[in-house]
Each structure stands twice: as structure tokens, then as C-alpha cells.
C-alpha atoms as a PDB file:
ATOM      1  CA  MET A   1     207.793 173.888 -11.954  1.00  0.00           C
ATOM      2  CA  LEU A   2     205.492 176.903 -11.625  1.00  0.00           C
ATOM      3  CA  LEU A   3     203.274 178.860 -14.027  1.00  0.00           C
ATOM      4  CA  ASP A   4     203.217 176.487 -16.989  1.00  0.00           C
ATOM      5  CA  GLY A   5     206.885 175.528 -16.616  1.00  0.00           C
ATOM      6  CA  ARG A   6     208.255 179.087 -16.681  1.00  0.00           C
ATOM      7  CA  PHE A   7     209.813 179.004 -13.191  1.00  0.00           C
ATOM      8  CA  LEU A   8     211.668 176.375 -11.175  1.00  0.00           C
ATOM      9  CA  TYR A   9     210.687 176.342  -7.482  1.00  0.00           C
ATOM     10  CA  GLN A  10     213.073 174.962  -4.837  1.00  0.00           C
ATOM     11  CA  GLU A  11     212.656 174.291  -1.117  1.00  0.00           C
ATOM     12  CA  TYR A  12     215.473 173.615   1.325  1.00  0.00           C
ATOM     13  CA  HIS A  13     215.226 172.469   4.950  1.00  0.00           C
ATOM     14  CA  ALA A  14     218.211 171.704   7.193  1.00  0.00           C
ATOM     15  CA  GLN A  15     220.052 172.600  10.387  1.00  0.00           C
ATOM     16  CA  MET A  16     222.522 175.491  10.374  1.00  0.00           C
ATOM     17  CA  MET A  17     224.628 176.305  13.435  1.00  0.00           C
ATOM     18  CA  GLY A  18     222.340 174.028  15.471  1.00  0.00           C
ATOM     19  CA  GLN A  19     219.168 175.868  14.450  1.00  0.00           C
ATOM     20  CA  PRO A  20     216.409 174.972  11.972  1.00  0.00           C
ATOM     21  CA  TYR A  21     217.012 176.607   8.587  1.00  0.00           C
ATOM     22  CA  SER A  22     214.658 176.838   5.608  1.00  0.00           C
ATOM     23  CA  GLY A  23     214.862 178.553   2.264  1.00  0.00           C
ATOM     24  CA  ILE A  24     213.073 178.826  -1.049  1.00  0.00           C
ATOM     25  CA  GLY A  25     214.365 179.718  -4.477  1.00  0.00           C
ATOM     26  CA  ILE A  26     212.838 180.666  -7.805  1.00  0.00           C
ATOM     27  CA  ASP A  27     214.905 180.245 -10.988  1.00  0.00           C
ATOM     28  CA  ALA A  28     214.027 181.192 -14.564  1.00  0.00           C
ATOM     29  CA  TYR A  29     215.209 182.396 -17.949  1.00  0.00           C
ATOM     30  CA  ASP A  30     214.021 185.952 -18.620  1.00  0.00           C
ATOM     31  CA  ASN A  31     213.092 186.193 -22.305  1.00  0.00           C
ATOM     32  CA  MET A  32     213.137 190.011 -22.155  1.00  0.00           C
ATOM     33  CA  THR A  33     216.682 190.432 -20.781  1.00  0.00           C
ATOM     34  CA  LYS A  34     218.029 187.156 -22.249  1.00  0.00           C
ATOM     35  CA  LYS A  35     219.475 186.288 -18.825  1.00  0.00           C
ATOM     36  CA  TYR A  36     219.005 183.581 -16.244  1.00  0.00           C
ATOM     37  CA  VAL A  37     217.682 184.943 -12.953  1.00  0.00           C
ATOM     38  CA  THR A  38     217.390 183.505  -9.466  1.00  0.00           C
ATOM     39  CA  ALA A  39     215.784 184.746  -6.261  1.00  0.00           C
ATOM     40  CA  TRP A  40     216.488 183.199  -2.841  1.00  0.00           C
ATOM     41  CA  MET A  41     214.766 183.816   0.506  1.00  0.00           C
ATOM     42  CA  ASP A  42     215.530 182.073   3.793  1.00  0.00           C
ATOM     43  CA  THR A  43     215.033 182.135   7.546  1.00  0.00           C
ATOM     44  CA  MET A  44     218.367 183.882   8.188  1.00  0.00           C
ATOM     45  CA  GLY A  45     217.093 187.260   7.018  1.00  0.00           C
ATOM     46  CA  THR A  46     214.267 189.252   5.525  1.00  0.00           C
ATOM     47  CA  GLY A  47     215.790 190.234   2.185  1.00  0.00           C
ATOM     48  CA  ILE A  48     215.487 188.626  -1.227  1.00  0.00           C
ATOM     49  CA  PHE A  49     218.864 187.680  -2.694  1.00  0.00           C
ATOM     50  CA  MET A  50     218.944 188.080  -6.486  1.00  0.00           C
ATOM     51  CA  MET A  51     221.475 186.894  -9.068  1.00  0.00           C
ATOM     52  CA  GLU A  52     221.508 186.992 -12.858  1.00  0.00           C
ATOM     53  CA  GLY A  53     223.763 185.734 -15.600  1.00  0.00           C
ATOM     54  CA  THR A  54     224.241 183.951 -18.894  1.00  0.00           C
ATOM     55  CA  ALA A  55     224.980 180.469 -20.219  1.00  0.00           C
ATOM     56  CA  SER A  56     228.193 179.320 -21.850  1.00  0.00           C
ATOM     57  CA  ALA A  57     228.199 178.824 -25.627  1.00  0.00           C
ATOM     58  CA  ASP A  58     227.627 175.059 -25.201  1.00  0.00           C
ATOM     59  CA  GLY A  59     224.789 175.686 -22.706  1.00  0.00           C
ATOM     60  CA  LYS A  60     226.344 173.448 -20.045  1.00  0.00           C
ATOM     61  CA  THR A  61     227.320 176.170 -17.543  1.00  0.00           C
ATOM     62  CA  ILE A  62     225.324 179.140 -16.282  1.00  0.00           C
ATOM     63  CA  ALA A  63     227.411 181.885 -14.630  1.00  0.00           C
ATOM     64  CA  LEU A  64     225.489 184.123 -12.200  1.00  0.00           C
ATOM     65  CA  LYS A  65     226.433 187.233 -10.184  1.00  0.00           C
ATOM     66  CA  GLY A  66     224.712 189.144  -7.397  1.00  0.00           C
ATOM     67  CA  SER A  67     225.192 190.943  -4.093  1.00  0.00           C
ATOM     68  CA  HIS A  68     223.328 191.632  -0.883  1.00  0.00           C
ATOM     69  CA  PRO A  69     223.718 193.952   2.121  1.00  0.00           C
ATOM     70  CA  GLU A  70     225.696 192.628   5.080  1.00  0.00           C
ATOM     71  CA  PRO A  71     224.855 193.195   8.743  1.00  0.00           C
ATOM     72  CA  GLY A  72     226.848 196.209   9.935  1.00  0.00           C
ATOM     73  CA  GLY A  73     227.086 197.755   6.467  1.00  0.00           C
ATOM     74  CA  GLY A  74     228.688 196.999   3.156  1.00  0.00           C
ATOM     75  CA  LYS A  75     227.795 194.325   0.642  1.00  0.00           C
ATOM     76  CA  MET A  76     228.701 190.712   0.068  1.00  0.00           C
ATOM     77  CA  HIS A  77     229.322 189.919  -3.594  1.00  0.00           C
ATOM     78  CA  HIS A  78     228.488 186.473  -4.976  1.00  0.00           C
ATOM     79  CA  ARG A  79     229.406 184.486  -8.037  1.00  0.00           C
ATOM     80  CA  ALA A  80     227.768 181.155  -8.826  1.00  0.00           C
ATOM     81  CA  LEU A  81     228.251 178.445 -11.426  1.00  0.00           C
ATOM     82  CA  TRP A  82     225.437 176.072 -12.335  1.00  0.00           C
ATOM     83  CA  LYS A  83     226.969 173.121 -14.205  1.00  0.00           C
ATOM     84  CA  LEU A  84     224.764 170.763 -16.225  1.00  0.00           C
ATOM     85  CA  VAL A  85     226.804 167.566 -15.990  1.00  0.00           C
ATOM     86  CA  ASP A  86     224.357 165.212 -17.706  1.00  0.00           C
ATOM     87  CA  ALA A  87     220.587 164.608 -18.000  1.00  0.00           C
ATOM     88  CA  ASN A  88     220.420 163.504 -14.343  1.00  0.00           C
ATOM     89  CA  THR A  89     223.112 165.560 -12.592  1.00  0.00           C
ATOM     90  CA  GLN A  90     223.712 169.265 -11.934  1.00  0.00           C
ATOM     91  CA  ILE A  91     226.311 170.949  -9.717  1.00  0.00           C
ATOM     92  CA  PHE A  92     225.784 174.388  -8.155  1.00  0.00           C
ATOM     93  CA  GLU A  93     228.831 176.213  -6.758  1.00  0.00           C
ATOM     94  CA  MET A  94     228.700 179.564  -4.946  1.00  0.00           C
ATOM     95  CA  TYR A  95     231.587 181.886  -4.159  1.00  0.00           C
ATOM     96  CA  GLY A  96     231.478 185.030  -2.024  1.00  0.00           C
ATOM     97  CA  THR A  97     233.531 188.106  -1.190  1.00  0.00           C
ATOM     98  CA  HIS A  98     233.056 190.187   1.964  1.00  0.00           C
ATOM     99  CA  GLY A  99     233.838 193.857   1.226  1.00  0.00           C
ATOM    100  CA  GLN A 100     237.263 193.979  -0.420  1.00  0.00           C
ATOM    101  CA  GLY A 101     238.271 190.543   0.902  1.00  0.00           C
ATOM    102  CA  LYS A 102     239.370 187.455  -0.980  1.00  0.00           C
ATOM    103  CA  GLU A 103     236.739 185.380  -2.788  1.00  0.00           C
ATOM    104  CA  GLU A 104     235.953 182.100  -1.019  1.00  0.00           C
ATOM    105  CA  LYS A 105     233.915 179.059  -2.026  1.00  0.00           C
ATOM    106  CA  MET A 106     230.826 179.090   0.198  1.00  0.00           C
ATOM    107  CA  MET A 107     229.001 175.967  -0.922  1.00  0.00           C
ATOM    108  CA  GLU A 108     228.608 173.231  -3.476  1.00  0.00           C
ATOM    109  CA  ILE A 109     225.397 171.292  -4.084  1.00  0.00           C
ATOM    110  CA  THR A 110     225.065 168.249  -6.326  1.00  0.00           C
ATOM    111  CA  TYR A 111     221.552 167.698  -7.660  1.00  0.00           C
ATOM    112  CA  THR A 112     220.637 164.179  -8.795  1.00  0.00           C
ATOM    113  CA  ARG A 113     217.342 163.359 -10.503  1.00  0.00           C
ATOM    114  CA  LYS A 114     215.219 160.835  -8.618  1.00  0.00           C
ATOM    115  CA  PRO A 115     214.973 157.505 -10.463  1.00  0.00           C
END
């Protein structure tokens, strides 16, 4: 957590298409806009990918939306669901649409708290 617990900081390191890949994310609840916000930066580009959204009435799902420019023009539109399964488990799902194409699931990450 950063800045007295106001922001969640994430780091990711892996291989993608046979190349080293790293990314960082910052997540928070914006008290001014009453929305959850996320920013993601990685070694595949130089932009900052932003999403924002709201929680379900029971607070167990956060729905986020955002978009970013695509190489060659146009935008890719994203939708993400952050599911709070229990005190130790969260699931993050991301869906994307290229231009006017069909939405596809791009990734799913299961977070498990270390014992």
C-alpha cells in the first residue's frame, strides 16, 4: 500500500511471446468522484492505461471500463470485473474489443493472500 494506505501498488514480471515483460499498477477509490480507478503501465508501450468504475450494491464486485489507442489507429475498449470472493481470494477478469469487433476475454488472474 502507498501513501498511508490510499493506493494499492502492484508489480508484475513474466515472459510474454518469449520476451521479458514487466508492468506496474496503481489502484484506488477516488473519494471525489466516488469511483474506483486503476492505472497500468508496462514494457509493451509508453502509455498509461486507465480504467474507472463502481462497486456492486453488495460491494463484492467492482466493474471497470477504459480504452487505449491501438497501433495503426483506433482504440481498444476494455471492461474488467474485480470479484472479491472471500477475505483471501480475489479474481480479476478483463475483456477487450478491437474497433467494432466482438468482445473477447483477454485474461483472468486469481489473487490469493499469502498465509
